[in-house]
Structure formats: structure tokens, C-alpha cells
Amino acid sequence: MCSVFSLHNFAATCLQLLYIFQKDSLFSFLSV
């Protein structure tokens, strides 16, 4: 149970970081 929760938490964190990175790259692309 704990390992499943940590795995889900890890996946959510990765998706969040990926979303933030894509958003930042999109803004920097638009500002060029």
C-alpha cells in the first residue's frame, strides 16, 4: 500500500514538473 502511494506520488510529481517545464518553454518560445 505504501509503495503504491509513493509510486503514485512520484508519477504525479513528474507530471507536474513536466507540465511546468512545458509551460515555461512555451512562454519563452512566445516571448522570442
PDB file of N, CA and C in Angstrom:
ATOM      1  N   MET A   1       0.833  -1.197   0.000  1.00  0.00           N
ATOM      2  CA  MET A   1       0.000   0.000   0.000  1.00  0.00           C
ATOM      3  C   MET A   1       0.872   1.254   0.000  1.00  0.00           C
ATOM      4  N   CYS A   2       1.864   1.260   0.862  1.00  0.00           N
ATOM      5  CA  CYS A   2       2.726   2.441   0.970  1.00  0.00           C
ATOM      6  C   CYS A   2       3.532   2.633  -0.306  1.00  0.00           C
ATOM      7  N   SER A   3       4.020   1.532  -0.864  1.00  0.00           N
ATOM      8  CA  SER A   3       4.833   1.643  -2.079  1.00  0.00           C
ATOM      9  C   SER A   3       3.982   2.117  -3.255  1.00  0.00           C
ATOM     10  N   VAL A   4       2.732   1.670  -3.287  1.00  0.00           N
ATOM     11  CA  VAL A   4       1.832   2.106  -4.360  1.00  0.00           C
ATOM     12  C   VAL A   4       1.572   3.603  -4.246  1.00  0.00           C
ATOM     13  N   PHE A   5       1.387   4.078  -3.008  1.00  0.00           N
ATOM     14  CA  PHE A   5       1.129   5.502  -2.789  1.00  0.00           C
ATOM     15  C   PHE A   5       2.340   6.334  -3.182  1.00  0.00           C
ATOM     16  N   SER A   6       3.541   5.861  -2.817  1.00  0.00           N
ATOM     17  CA  SER A   6       4.755   6.609  -3.145  1.00  0.00           C
ATOM     18  C   SER A   6       4.976   6.623  -4.656  1.00  0.00           C
ATOM     19  N   LEU A   7       4.625   5.518  -5.311  1.00  0.00           N
ATOM     20  CA  LEU A   7       4.774   5.447  -6.763  1.00  0.00           C
ATOM     21  C   LEU A   7       3.819   6.432  -7.434  1.00  0.00           C
ATOM     22  N   HIS A   8       2.586   6.498  -6.926  1.00  0.00           N
ATOM     23  CA  HIS A   8       1.599   7.429  -7.469  1.00  0.00           C
ATOM     24  C   HIS A   8       2.052   8.866  -7.230  1.00  0.00           C
ATOM     25  N   ASN A   9       2.616   9.111  -6.036  1.00  0.00           N
ATOM     26  CA  ASN A   9       3.096  10.451  -5.689  1.00  0.00           C
ATOM     27  C   ASN A   9       4.258  10.835  -6.609  1.00  0.00           C
ATOM     28  N   PHE A  10       5.136   9.875  -6.899  1.00  0.00           N
ATOM     29  CA  PHE A  10       6.275  10.120  -7.776  1.00  0.00           C
ATOM     30  C   PHE A  10       5.808  10.449  -9.189  1.00  0.00           C
ATOM     31  N   ALA A  11       4.811   9.708  -9.666  1.00  0.00           N
ATOM     32  CA  ALA A  11       4.282   9.943 -11.008  1.00  0.00           C
ATOM     33  C   ALA A  11       3.626  11.320 -11.087  1.00  0.00           C
ATOM     34  N   ALA A  12       2.891  11.681 -10.037  1.00  0.00           N
ATOM     35  CA  ALA A  12       2.217  12.980 -10.022  1.00  0.00           C
ATOM     36  C   ALA A  12       3.243  14.106 -10.028  1.00  0.00           C
ATOM     37  N   THR A  13       4.329  13.928  -9.274  1.00  0.00           N
ATOM     38  CA  THR A  13       5.375  14.949  -9.223  1.00  0.00           C
ATOM     39  C   THR A  13       6.050  15.085 -10.582  1.00  0.00           C
ATOM     40  N   CYS A  14       6.319  13.968 -11.234  1.00  0.00           N
ATOM     41  CA  CYS A  14       6.955  14.007 -12.561  1.00  0.00           C
ATOM     42  C   CYS A  14       6.055  14.718 -13.565  1.00  0.00           C
ATOM     43  N   LEU A  15       4.766  14.411 -13.520  1.00  0.00           N
ATOM     44  CA  LEU A  15       3.833  15.057 -14.444  1.00  0.00           C
ATOM     45  C   LEU A  15       3.754  16.553 -14.176  1.00  0.00           C
ATOM     46  N   GLN A  16       3.780  16.912 -12.893  1.00  0.00           N
ATOM     47  CA  GLN A  16       3.728  18.332 -12.536  1.00  0.00           C
ATOM     48  C   GLN A  16       4.955  19.064 -13.057  1.00  0.00           C
ATOM     49  N   LEU A  17       6.135  18.464 -12.849  1.00  0.00           N
ATOM     50  CA  LEU A  17       7.374  19.094 -13.316  1.00  0.00           C
ATOM     51  C   LEU A  17       7.381  19.186 -14.837  1.00  0.00           C
ATOM     52  N   LEU A  18       6.898  18.147 -15.504  1.00  0.00           N
ATOM     53  CA  LEU A  18       6.861  18.148 -16.964  1.00  0.00           C
ATOM     54  C   LEU A  18       5.926  19.242 -17.467  1.00  0.00           C
ATOM     55  N   TYR A  19       4.772  19.397 -16.791  1.00  0.00           N
ATOM     56  CA  TYR A  19       3.809  20.428 -17.179  1.00  0.00           C
ATOM     57  C   TYR A  19       4.399  21.824 -17.003  1.00  0.00           C
ATOM     58  N   ILE A  20       5.074  22.036 -15.857  1.00  0.00           N
ATOM     59  CA  ILE A  20       5.695  23.333 -15.594  1.00  0.00           C
ATOM     60  C   ILE A  20       6.786  23.607 -16.625  1.00  0.00           C
ATOM     61  N   PHE A  21       7.586  22.584 -16.946  1.00  0.00           N
ATOM     62  CA  PHE A  21       8.669  22.766 -17.908  1.00  0.00           C
ATOM     63  C   PHE A  21       8.113  23.101 -19.286  1.00  0.00           C
ATOM     64  N   GLN A  22       7.054  22.411 -19.683  1.00  0.00           N
ATOM     65  CA  GLN A  22       6.449  22.689 -20.987  1.00  0.00           C
ATOM     66  C   GLN A  22       5.861  24.094 -21.018  1.00  0.00           C
ATOM     67  N   LYS A  23       5.250  24.516 -19.892  1.00  0.00           N
ATOM     68  CA  LYS A  23       4.645  25.841 -19.842  1.00  0.00           C
ATOM     69  C   LYS A  23       5.722  26.916 -19.934  1.00  0.00           C
ATOM     70  N   ASP A  24       6.848  26.706 -19.226  1.00  0.00           N
ATOM     71  CA  ASP A  24       7.936  27.680 -19.268  1.00  0.00           C
ATOM     72  C   ASP A  24       8.544  27.748 -20.664  1.00  0.00           C
ATOM     73  N   SER A  25       8.736  26.597 -21.293  1.00  0.00           N
ATOM     74  CA  SER A  25       9.323  26.579 -22.629  1.00  0.00           C
ATOM     75  C   SER A  25       8.370  27.223 -23.633  1.00  0.00           C
ATOM     76  N   LEU A  26       7.069  27.053 -23.409  1.00  0.00           N
ATOM     77  CA  LEU A  26       6.087  27.660 -24.302  1.00  0.00           C
ATOM     78  C   LEU A  26       6.118  29.175 -24.175  1.00  0.00           C
ATOM     79  N   PHE A  27       6.204  29.671 -22.921  1.00  0.00           N
ATOM     80  CA  PHE A  27       6.261  31.114 -22.700  1.00  0.00           C
ATOM     81  C   PHE A  27       7.536  31.702 -23.297  1.00  0.00           C
ATOM     82  N   SER A  28       8.663  31.010 -23.115  1.00  0.00           N
ATOM     83  CA  SER A  28       9.923  31.518 -23.648  1.00  0.00           C
ATOM     84  C   SER A  28       9.886  31.501 -25.177  1.00  0.00           C
ATOM     85  N   PHE A  29       9.180  30.529 -25.749  1.00  0.00           N
ATOM     86  CA  PHE A  29       9.059  30.456 -27.209  1.00  0.00           C
ATOM     87  C   PHE A  29       8.202  31.605 -27.732  1.00  0.00           C
ATOM     88  N   LEU A  30       7.132  31.928 -26.992  1.00  0.00           N
ATOM     89  CA  LEU A  30       6.253  33.022 -27.418  1.00  0.00           C
ATOM     90  C   LEU A  30       6.921  34.381 -27.250  1.00  0.00           C
ATOM     91  N   SER A  31       7.797  34.498 -26.256  1.00  0.00           N
ATOM     92  CA  SER A  31       8.444  35.785 -25.991  1.00  0.00           C
ATOM     93  C   SER A  31       9.557  36.078 -27.002  1.00  0.00           C
ATOM     94  N   VAL A  32       9.989  35.062 -27.725  1.00  0.00           N
ATOM     95  CA  VAL A  32      11.073  35.270 -28.698  1.00  0.00           C
ATOM     96  C   VAL A  32      10.541  36.084 -29.872  1.00  0.00           C
TER      97      VAL A  32
END
